[in-house]
Amino acid sequence: MSLLLYSVSYLALVLFFFRALRGTAFSLSLSRGYLGGIFVFREIFVLVLLGVVLFGVFGSSYFDVVHVLDSEIHFTGAIVFFCVALLILFISFWSQTVFKKYLVFDRVFSLGFDNFPLYIKSLTRSVALLLFVCIFLAHATGMSHAFIKSIFFSQDLMSVRLSNRYSSSTPGHVVMVIKFSYVFLCLLISFFRESFSGKLEKFFYFVLVVYAATLPGDKAPIVQVLILIFVCYIVLRRVSPVKILFVGGVSTLFVFLLVYILVTVQYPDISTEGFFWYLLNRLGVGQIQGVYEQFSLELRDWRYMLVEVPFSGLFVDPPNYSKDLMLNTLGRDQEFSEVGVMNSFFIGQAYAIGGLPFVFVSPLLVAFNYCLINFFVILFLVRLFGFSRSHAQLLGVIFCSSVVMFTGDLNGLLLGKKIFIIAFYFVLVFLVFRFFRFSLPLKKGGAG
């Protein structure tokens, strides 16, 4: 009965997603060759709701949980389903009202593959230079390349990851710029690759993206890069649904093998069965487990909201919800610097701040701020870098959904903090971009 109920609920939300977001920049449409909403769909239906279904069908005994009770699983699952529905509804509402100018398609939508943005080469080189400089700064301030150090110097991957995060003096903003830049650079070289005549230049950019994505030691970023390349390939080639299934199947197998290799780097002695349970716990329910732990543990502290206030870090040192959740669950009896954070869904932090009433209010606020960020990124791409509206909608939404997540915690989406961070990044890119435009001879048209 649980399997049927959860399956029907899951499929109903899939249909609701396609219906509610149709005609917006968050939609998925093969007929239009538009996959802007692919990462939104992936996060909601793979990282969040798949875990809810697994918890609901199998219960807590199959998973590595601490406080989760079987008696509360269905209640928590119902809340997650309802809040996801609210999130989709409000994203649709804000997109088609307040932010309609850039988040709704023109009646005639065309990506115009032969019409590249003006000075696309200069923009790509600007992002690559910014990424290269930030990688240099990261290494200069004590950050190590986690996978290289683990593979070639036989150091524990988790230890290197935690050392990068807590022992190095690398500013958080440098790490942020690295993440934003490798995502943006990957999109530029994948989607506008025909504008680059030199194979060596493209190869350098690709190596830079892979190096940056694997620098901290997390496994998700390199998988994300592969998905970005795959999505750009589908859009550019106007691939048929049958071919998408074939290419998607081959790509999934490749990603599966890549994840296996990365996991064996972190856990050299892991068995095949152990790898299966690792996937089930980390990829199956790992992104949503924090919500179930929180609804059973019931951490409560209004000060968790302070981190969401723009520029609050300049004045206060608020408690870290995701860190506290980890220390009270899988990280018990460990020191602050010895553990990472627990993944969750933003309603977990909302519950810690204001209880159930705030849980149901949070999708309204998160959806507004998410649409606001996407609106301004598309605006930046059009006004600052000469993108067409259609190109900006596709790449802007994919960029935003790659760097702004609903999982983890509220992630700067409650009170508008994230918009300042995104704006700061694009100001940096624009300053370097202007340097290239005024200091280098540029050809007319898309070759600049």
Protein backbone atom coordinates (compact mmCIF):
# COMPACT_ATOMS: atom_id res chain seq x y z
CA MET A 1 0.00 0.00 0.00
CA SER A 2 2.86 2.38 0.86
CA LEU A 3 4.53 1.71 -2.47
CA LEU A 4 1.34 2.51 -4.40
CA LEU A 5 0.59 5.66 -2.41
CA TYR A 6 4.11 7.04 -2.72
CA SER A 7 4.36 6.15 -6.40
CA VAL A 8 1.06 7.86 -7.24
CA SER A 9 2.06 10.94 -5.23
CA TYR A 10 5.45 11.06 -6.95
CA LEU A 11 3.98 10.75 -10.46
CA ALA A 12 1.32 13.34 -9.66
CA LEU A 13 4.00 15.85 -8.71
CA VAL A 14 5.94 15.07 -11.90
CA LEU A 15 2.85 15.91 -13.95
CA PHE A 16 2.24 19.01 -11.83
CA PHE A 17 5.85 20.13 -12.45
CA PHE A 18 5.44 19.95 -16.23
CA ARG A 19 2.02 21.60 -16.17
CA ALA A 20 2.78 24.40 -13.69
CA LEU A 21 6.14 25.41 -15.19
CA ARG A 22 5.15 25.10 -18.86
CA GLY A 23 6.12 28.21 -20.78
CA THR A 24 8.57 29.39 -18.11
CA ALA A 25 12.36 29.31 -18.06
CA PHE A 26 12.19 26.39 -15.59
CA SER A 27 10.36 24.10 -17.99
CA LEU A 28 11.51 21.07 -19.96
CA SER A 29 10.47 20.88 -23.60
CA LEU A 30 12.07 18.64 -26.22
CA SER A 31 9.84 20.13 -28.91
CA ARG A 32 11.43 23.52 -28.26
CA GLY A 33 14.85 22.05 -27.64
CA TYR A 34 14.77 23.59 -24.16
CA LEU A 35 16.14 21.86 -21.05
CA GLY A 36 16.61 24.82 -18.72
CA GLY A 37 14.71 23.16 -15.89
CA ILE A 38 16.75 19.94 -15.95
CA PHE A 39 18.62 20.61 -12.70
CA VAL A 40 15.49 21.84 -10.93
CA PHE A 41 13.76 18.62 -11.97
CA ARG A 42 16.80 16.54 -10.92
CA GLU A 43 17.00 18.14 -7.51
CA ILE A 44 13.32 17.85 -6.71
CA PHE A 45 12.60 14.40 -8.09
CA VAL A 46 15.95 12.62 -7.67
CA LEU A 47 17.67 14.22 -4.70
CA VAL A 48 14.57 15.00 -2.63
CA LEU A 49 11.48 12.96 -3.50
CA LEU A 50 13.26 9.73 -4.43
CA GLY A 51 14.61 9.60 -0.89
CA VAL A 52 11.13 10.26 0.49
CA VAL A 53 9.78 7.32 -1.50
CA LEU A 54 12.61 5.04 -0.31
CA PHE A 55 12.04 6.01 3.33
CA GLY A 56 8.30 5.55 2.97
CA VAL A 57 8.54 2.12 1.35
CA PHE A 58 11.44 0.56 3.27
CA GLY A 59 11.29 2.38 6.61
CA SER A 60 14.34 3.49 8.59
CA SER A 61 15.96 0.10 9.29
CA TYR A 62 17.59 -0.13 5.85
CA PHE A 63 19.44 3.17 6.22
CA ASP A 64 22.18 4.67 8.34
CA VAL A 65 19.98 6.90 10.48
CA VAL A 66 20.12 8.01 14.10
CA HIS A 67 16.91 9.63 15.32
CA VAL A 68 14.47 8.72 12.53
CA LEU A 69 11.44 6.80 13.82
CA ASP A 70 9.26 4.59 11.62
CA SER A 71 6.18 6.00 13.34
CA GLU A 72 7.01 9.49 12.01
CA ILE A 73 8.22 8.62 8.51
CA HIS A 74 4.86 8.94 6.73
CA PHE A 75 4.04 12.21 8.50
CA THR A 76 7.39 13.73 7.54
CA GLY A 77 7.08 12.37 3.99
CA ALA A 78 3.64 13.96 3.59
CA ILE A 79 5.03 17.33 4.70
CA VAL A 80 7.90 17.07 2.20
CA PHE A 81 5.52 16.20 -0.65
CA PHE A 82 3.21 19.08 0.26
CA CYS A 83 6.08 21.59 0.55
CA VAL A 84 7.53 20.49 -2.81
CA ALA A 85 4.09 21.07 -4.36
CA LEU A 86 4.02 24.54 -2.78
CA LEU A 87 7.54 25.24 -4.05
CA ILE A 88 6.61 24.33 -7.64
CA LEU A 89 3.37 26.32 -7.38
CA PHE A 90 5.09 29.47 -6.11
CA ILE A 91 7.96 29.24 -8.63
CA SER A 92 5.29 29.12 -11.33
CA PHE A 93 3.39 32.01 -9.77
CA TRP A 94 6.36 34.34 -9.32
CA SER A 95 7.72 33.46 -12.78
CA GLN A 96 4.48 34.38 -14.50
CA THR A 97 3.76 37.54 -12.52
CA VAL A 98 6.53 39.60 -10.88
CA PHE A 99 9.40 38.20 -12.99
CA LYS A 100 7.47 37.60 -16.20
CA LYS A 101 9.78 39.76 -18.36
CA TYR A 102 12.67 37.26 -18.28
CA LEU A 103 11.22 34.08 -16.81
CA VAL A 104 8.46 33.52 -19.38
CA PHE A 105 9.20 32.55 -22.98
CA ASP A 106 8.46 34.74 -25.94
CA ARG A 107 5.64 33.43 -28.10
CA VAL A 108 8.25 32.56 -30.73
CA PHE A 109 11.17 30.90 -28.96
CA SER A 110 14.45 30.24 -30.78
CA LEU A 111 17.92 29.58 -29.43
CA GLY A 112 19.56 30.72 -32.67
CA PHE A 113 22.57 28.40 -32.69
CA ASP A 114 24.31 30.40 -35.42
CA ASN A 115 23.99 33.70 -33.57
CA PHE A 116 26.59 33.67 -30.82
CA PRO A 117 26.73 36.46 -28.24
CA LEU A 118 29.04 39.33 -29.10
CA TYR A 119 32.55 38.89 -27.68
CA ILE A 120 31.89 35.32 -26.52
CA LYS A 121 35.60 34.52 -26.65
CA SER A 122 36.43 37.45 -24.39
CA LEU A 123 33.77 36.40 -21.89
CA THR A 124 35.03 32.81 -21.87
CA ARG A 125 38.63 33.93 -21.41
CA SER A 126 37.54 36.27 -18.62
CA VAL A 127 35.83 33.46 -16.71
CA ALA A 128 38.80 31.15 -17.30
CA LEU A 129 41.27 33.78 -16.06
CA LEU A 130 39.17 34.47 -12.97
CA LEU A 131 38.96 30.73 -12.28
CA PHE A 132 42.72 30.27 -12.75
CA VAL A 133 43.56 33.15 -10.40
CA CYS A 134 41.18 31.84 -7.71
CA ILE A 135 42.64 28.33 -7.95
CA PHE A 136 46.10 29.88 -7.48
CA LEU A 137 44.86 31.84 -4.44
CA ALA A 138 43.27 28.71 -3.00
CA HIS A 139 46.54 26.79 -3.21
CA ALA A 140 48.51 29.77 -1.89
CA THR A 141 46.29 29.88 1.20
CA GLY A 142 46.65 26.20 2.07
CA MET A 143 44.06 24.36 -0.02
CA SER A 144 45.17 21.05 -1.55
CA HIS A 145 43.75 19.23 -4.53
CA ALA A 146 41.92 16.51 -2.62
CA PHE A 147 41.84 13.77 -5.25
CA ILE A 148 45.42 14.26 -6.39
CA LYS A 149 46.67 14.23 -2.81
CA SER A 150 44.59 11.17 -1.99
CA ILE A 151 45.51 9.14 -5.09
CA PHE A 152 49.19 10.00 -5.46
CA PHE A 153 50.16 10.63 -1.84
CA SER A 154 47.97 7.94 -0.19
CA GLN A 155 46.16 10.36 2.10
CA ASP A 156 42.62 9.77 3.29
CA LEU A 157 40.23 11.69 1.03
CA MET A 158 37.86 12.69 3.82
CA SER A 159 40.74 14.02 5.91
CA VAL A 160 41.97 16.14 2.99
CA ARG A 161 38.45 17.42 2.34
CA LEU A 162 37.97 18.47 5.96
CA SER A 163 41.45 19.99 6.04
CA ASN A 164 40.60 22.08 2.98
CA ARG A 165 37.45 23.29 4.65
CA TYR A 166 38.61 23.94 8.21
CA SER A 167 42.43 24.02 8.32
CA SER A 168 43.26 26.11 5.26
CA SER A 169 42.98 29.90 5.34
CA THR A 170 41.27 30.07 1.93
CA PRO A 171 38.49 32.70 2.08
CA GLY A 172 35.01 31.32 1.53
CA HIS A 173 34.42 33.81 -1.27
CA VAL A 174 37.37 32.38 -3.22
CA VAL A 175 35.87 28.90 -2.95
CA MET A 176 32.53 30.32 -4.05
CA VAL A 177 34.05 32.04 -7.12
CA ILE A 178 35.79 28.79 -8.08
CA LYS A 179 32.49 26.91 -8.01
CA PHE A 180 30.56 29.56 -9.91
CA SER A 181 33.35 29.90 -12.49
CA TYR A 182 33.81 26.24 -13.37
CA VAL A 183 30.04 25.88 -13.85
CA PHE A 184 29.83 29.02 -15.98
CA LEU A 185 32.96 28.12 -17.98
CA CYS A 186 31.68 24.59 -18.58
CA LEU A 187 28.42 25.99 -19.98
CA LEU A 188 30.21 28.48 -22.22
CA ILE A 189 32.65 26.01 -23.77
CA SER A 190 29.99 23.30 -24.12
CA PHE A 191 27.27 25.45 -25.65
CA PHE A 192 29.37 27.85 -27.73
CA ARG A 193 32.17 25.45 -28.63
CA GLU A 194 31.85 26.22 -32.35
CA SER A 195 33.06 29.75 -31.70
CA PHE A 196 36.47 28.41 -30.63
CA SER A 197 38.74 27.46 -33.50
CA GLY A 198 41.74 26.34 -31.43
CA LYS A 199 41.54 22.82 -30.04
CA LEU A 200 44.34 23.54 -27.57
CA GLU A 201 42.40 26.43 -26.06
CA LYS A 202 39.26 24.32 -25.63
CA PHE A 203 41.31 21.50 -24.12
CA PHE A 204 42.87 23.91 -21.62
CA TYR A 205 39.44 25.16 -20.58
CA PHE A 206 38.17 21.61 -20.13
CA VAL A 207 41.19 20.65 -17.98
CA LEU A 208 40.66 23.80 -15.92
CA VAL A 209 37.00 22.93 -15.35
CA VAL A 210 37.77 19.34 -14.31
CA TYR A 211 40.62 20.45 -12.04
CA ALA A 212 38.43 23.06 -10.32
CA ALA A 213 35.47 20.68 -9.95
CA THR A 214 37.62 18.02 -8.27
CA LEU A 215 39.67 20.44 -6.17
CA PRO A 216 37.69 20.29 -2.88
CA GLY A 217 37.29 16.49 -3.01
CA ASP A 218 33.50 16.24 -3.30
CA LYS A 219 32.19 13.70 -5.80
CA ALA A 220 29.07 15.58 -6.90
CA PRO A 221 30.78 18.46 -8.80
CA ILE A 222 32.49 16.28 -11.43
CA VAL A 223 29.21 14.41 -12.00
CA GLN A 224 27.53 17.80 -12.34
CA VAL A 225 30.06 18.83 -15.01
CA LEU A 226 29.29 15.71 -17.03
CA ILE A 227 25.56 16.41 -16.82
CA LEU A 228 26.14 19.99 -17.99
CA ILE A 229 28.06 18.76 -21.03
CA PHE A 230 25.36 16.14 -21.74
CA VAL A 231 22.54 18.72 -21.55
CA CYS A 232 24.36 21.13 -23.90
CA TYR A 233 24.96 18.25 -26.32
CA ILE A 234 21.25 17.39 -26.39
CA VAL A 235 20.17 21.00 -26.90
CA LEU A 236 22.72 21.74 -29.62
CA ARG A 237 22.10 18.56 -31.59
CA ARG A 238 18.30 18.64 -31.21
CA VAL A 239 18.55 14.97 -30.30
CA SER A 240 15.46 12.78 -30.76
CA PRO A 241 13.84 11.25 -27.64
CA VAL A 242 15.02 7.75 -28.67
CA LYS A 243 18.60 8.93 -29.02
CA ILE A 244 18.33 10.79 -25.73
CA LEU A 245 17.44 7.54 -24.00
CA PHE A 246 20.38 5.77 -25.62
CA VAL A 247 22.91 8.52 -24.95
CA GLY A 248 21.45 9.05 -21.49
CA GLY A 249 21.79 5.34 -20.72
CA VAL A 250 25.43 5.27 -21.84
CA SER A 251 26.13 8.47 -19.91
CA THR A 252 24.47 7.07 -16.79
CA LEU A 253 26.64 3.95 -16.99
CA PHE A 254 29.74 6.12 -17.37
CA VAL A 255 28.72 8.28 -14.40
CA PHE A 256 28.04 5.13 -12.36
CA LEU A 257 31.54 3.84 -13.09
CA LEU A 258 33.03 7.25 -12.33
CA VAL A 259 31.23 7.41 -8.98
CA TYR A 260 32.50 3.90 -8.20
CA ILE A 261 36.07 5.00 -8.90
CA LEU A 262 35.67 8.12 -6.76
CA VAL A 263 34.13 6.14 -3.89
CA THR A 264 36.97 3.59 -3.96
CA VAL A 265 39.41 6.49 -3.64
CA GLN A 266 37.65 7.52 -0.43
CA TYR A 267 36.99 3.95 0.78
CA PRO A 268 39.69 1.70 -0.73
CA ASP A 269 38.38 -1.46 0.97
CA ILE A 270 34.74 -1.07 -0.04
CA SER A 271 33.06 -4.18 -1.49
CA THR A 272 30.52 -4.33 -4.31
CA GLU A 273 27.73 -4.83 -1.78
CA GLY A 274 29.12 -2.00 0.32
CA PHE A 275 29.11 0.25 -2.73
CA PHE A 276 25.43 -0.57 -3.31
CA TRP A 277 24.54 0.38 0.26
CA TYR A 278 26.67 3.50 -0.07
CA LEU A 279 24.60 4.58 -3.09
CA LEU A 280 21.38 3.79 -1.29
CA ASN A 281 22.37 5.80 1.78
CA ARG A 282 24.21 8.70 0.16
CA LEU A 283 22.49 9.13 -3.21
CA GLY A 284 19.16 7.52 -2.38
CA VAL A 285 18.23 9.13 0.93
CA GLY A 286 21.35 11.13 1.77
CA GLN A 287 20.03 14.43 0.42
CA ILE A 288 16.77 14.25 2.37
CA GLN A 289 17.84 12.38 5.51
CA GLY A 290 18.44 15.61 7.39
CA VAL A 291 14.74 16.51 7.24
CA TYR A 292 13.73 13.19 8.83
CA GLU A 293 16.44 13.51 11.48
CA GLN A 294 15.38 17.08 12.24
CA PHE A 295 11.67 16.28 12.52
CA SER A 296 12.52 13.57 15.06
CA LEU A 297 15.34 15.41 16.86
CA GLU A 298 13.58 18.80 16.78
CA LEU A 299 16.51 21.20 16.97
CA ARG A 300 15.03 24.63 17.68
CA ASP A 301 16.86 27.97 17.67
CA TRP A 302 15.58 31.16 16.04
CA ARG A 303 19.20 32.29 15.60
CA TYR A 304 19.55 29.86 12.70
CA MET A 305 17.79 32.62 10.75
CA LEU A 306 20.66 35.08 11.29
CA VAL A 307 22.87 33.40 8.72
CA GLU A 308 20.18 34.21 6.13
CA VAL A 309 20.41 37.97 6.79
CA PRO A 310 22.52 39.72 4.10
CA PHE A 311 25.97 40.74 5.41
CA SER A 312 25.23 39.23 8.83
CA GLY A 313 28.65 37.57 8.86
CA LEU A 314 30.24 40.99 9.29
CA PHE A 315 28.56 41.51 12.65
CA VAL A 316 27.62 38.17 14.22
CA ASP A 317 28.73 34.54 14.23
CA PRO A 318 25.39 32.70 14.10
CA PRO A 319 25.05 28.96 14.78
CA ASN A 320 25.31 26.66 11.78
CA TYR A 321 22.16 24.56 11.40
CA SER A 322 23.58 21.93 9.02
CA LYS A 323 26.69 21.52 11.18
CA ASP A 324 24.65 21.24 14.39
CA LEU A 325 22.44 18.64 12.75
CA MET A 326 25.47 16.57 11.77
CA LEU A 327 27.01 16.86 15.25
CA ASN A 328 23.76 15.60 16.75
CA THR A 329 23.39 12.68 14.34
CA LEU A 330 26.15 10.98 12.34
CA GLY A 331 28.85 13.19 13.87
CA ARG A 332 28.18 12.47 17.53
CA ASP A 333 31.23 12.34 19.81
CA GLN A 334 33.31 14.19 17.19
CA GLU A 335 34.81 17.66 17.16
CA PHE A 336 33.43 20.53 15.10
CA SER A 337 36.32 20.44 12.62
CA GLU A 338 36.14 16.65 12.23
CA VAL A 339 32.74 16.49 10.54
CA GLY A 340 31.08 18.03 7.52
CA VAL A 341 27.45 19.09 7.30
CA MET A 342 24.30 17.03 6.94
CA ASN A 343 22.32 17.38 3.73
CA SER A 344 18.67 18.17 4.12
CA PHE A 345 15.88 20.10 2.43
CA PHE A 346 15.30 23.76 3.25
CA ILE A 347 12.19 22.98 5.30
CA GLY A 348 14.41 21.30 7.90
CA GLN A 349 16.08 24.60 8.79
CA ALA A 350 12.72 26.37 8.55
CA TYR A 351 11.36 23.90 11.16
CA ALA A 352 14.33 24.64 13.41
CA ILE A 353 13.69 28.39 13.13
CA GLY A 354 9.93 28.63 13.51
CA GLY A 355 8.29 25.22 13.79
CA LEU A 356 5.60 23.84 11.48
CA PRO A 357 3.97 27.21 10.63
CA PHE A 358 7.27 28.48 9.24
CA VAL A 359 7.77 25.22 7.31
CA PHE A 360 4.68 25.99 5.24
CA VAL A 361 5.63 29.66 4.77
CA SER A 362 9.19 28.92 3.65
CA PRO A 363 8.33 27.63 0.10
CA LEU A 364 6.73 31.03 -0.67
CA LEU A 365 9.89 32.92 0.35
CA VAL A 366 12.35 30.44 -1.16
CA ALA A 367 10.50 30.43 -4.49
CA PHE A 368 10.46 34.25 -4.60
CA ASN A 369 14.19 34.57 -3.94
CA TYR A 370 14.99 31.75 -6.36
CA CYS A 371 13.04 33.46 -9.14
CA LEU A 372 14.65 36.79 -8.22
CA ILE A 373 18.15 35.30 -8.62
CA ASN A 374 17.31 33.72 -11.97
CA PHE A 375 15.73 36.96 -13.17
CA PHE A 376 18.85 38.99 -12.42
CA VAL A 377 21.27 36.41 -13.85
CA ILE A 378 19.33 36.44 -17.13
CA LEU A 379 19.30 40.25 -16.98
CA PHE A 380 23.09 40.30 -16.46
CA LEU A 381 23.69 37.97 -19.39
CA VAL A 382 21.53 40.10 -21.69
CA ARG A 383 22.62 43.57 -20.61
CA LEU A 384 26.27 43.05 -19.65
CA PHE A 385 27.41 40.34 -22.06
CA GLY A 386 25.15 40.69 -25.10
CA PHE A 387 23.34 37.35 -24.88
CA SER A 388 20.06 36.93 -26.70
CA ARG A 389 17.08 36.55 -24.40
CA SER A 390 16.66 32.87 -25.34
CA HIS A 391 20.33 32.03 -24.77
CA ALA A 392 20.25 33.89 -21.46
CA GLN A 393 17.14 32.05 -20.30
CA LEU A 394 18.61 28.62 -21.02
CA LEU A 395 22.12 29.19 -19.68
CA GLY A 396 21.05 31.48 -16.85
CA VAL A 397 18.58 29.01 -15.37
CA ILE A 398 20.99 26.07 -15.76
CA PHE A 399 23.73 28.12 -14.09
CA CYS A 400 21.50 29.15 -11.19
CA SER A 401 20.14 25.67 -10.60
CA SER A 402 23.72 24.35 -10.59
CA VAL A 403 24.96 26.72 -7.88
CA VAL A 404 21.81 27.48 -5.87
CA MET A 405 20.31 24.41 -4.28
CA PHE A 406 17.14 23.60 -2.34
CA THR A 407 18.98 20.84 -0.48
CA GLY A 408 21.44 21.49 2.33
CA ASP A 409 19.59 24.25 4.18
CA LEU A 410 17.88 27.53 3.29
CA ASN A 411 21.06 28.39 1.35
CA GLY A 412 20.60 32.15 1.29
CA LEU A 413 17.12 31.87 -0.22
CA LEU A 414 15.10 33.07 2.75
CA LEU A 415 15.87 36.80 2.98
CA GLY A 416 17.65 37.46 -0.30
CA LYS A 417 21.24 36.90 0.82
CA LYS A 418 22.13 34.80 -2.22
CA ILE A 419 21.32 37.53 -4.72
CA PHE A 420 24.14 39.68 -3.33
CA ILE A 421 26.61 36.81 -3.68
CA ILE A 422 25.56 36.11 -7.28
CA ALA A 423 25.68 39.82 -8.15
CA PHE A 424 29.16 40.09 -6.62
CA TYR A 425 30.35 37.24 -8.84
CA PHE A 426 28.99 38.73 -12.06
CA VAL A 427 30.51 42.12 -11.20
CA LEU A 428 33.90 40.37 -10.95
CA VAL A 429 33.37 38.64 -14.28
CA PHE A 430 32.28 41.91 -15.89
CA LEU A 431 35.37 43.77 -14.65
CA VAL A 432 37.69 41.14 -16.15
CA PHE A 433 35.54 41.06 -19.28
CA ARG A 434 35.89 44.83 -19.73
CA PHE A 435 39.65 44.46 -19.36
CA PHE A 436 39.72 41.96 -22.23
CA ARG A 437 37.50 44.10 -24.43
CA PHE A 438 39.61 47.24 -24.04
CA SER A 439 43.07 45.68 -23.94
CA LEU A 440 42.84 43.10 -26.73
CA PRO A 441 42.07 43.54 -30.42
CA LEU A 442 38.61 42.09 -31.05
CA LYS A 443 36.96 40.96 -34.22
CA LYS A 444 33.47 42.10 -35.01
CA GLY A 445 30.57 39.75 -34.41
CA GLY A 446 30.63 36.62 -32.30
CA ALA A 447 34.35 36.00 -32.58
CA GLY A 448 35.37 38.62 -30.08
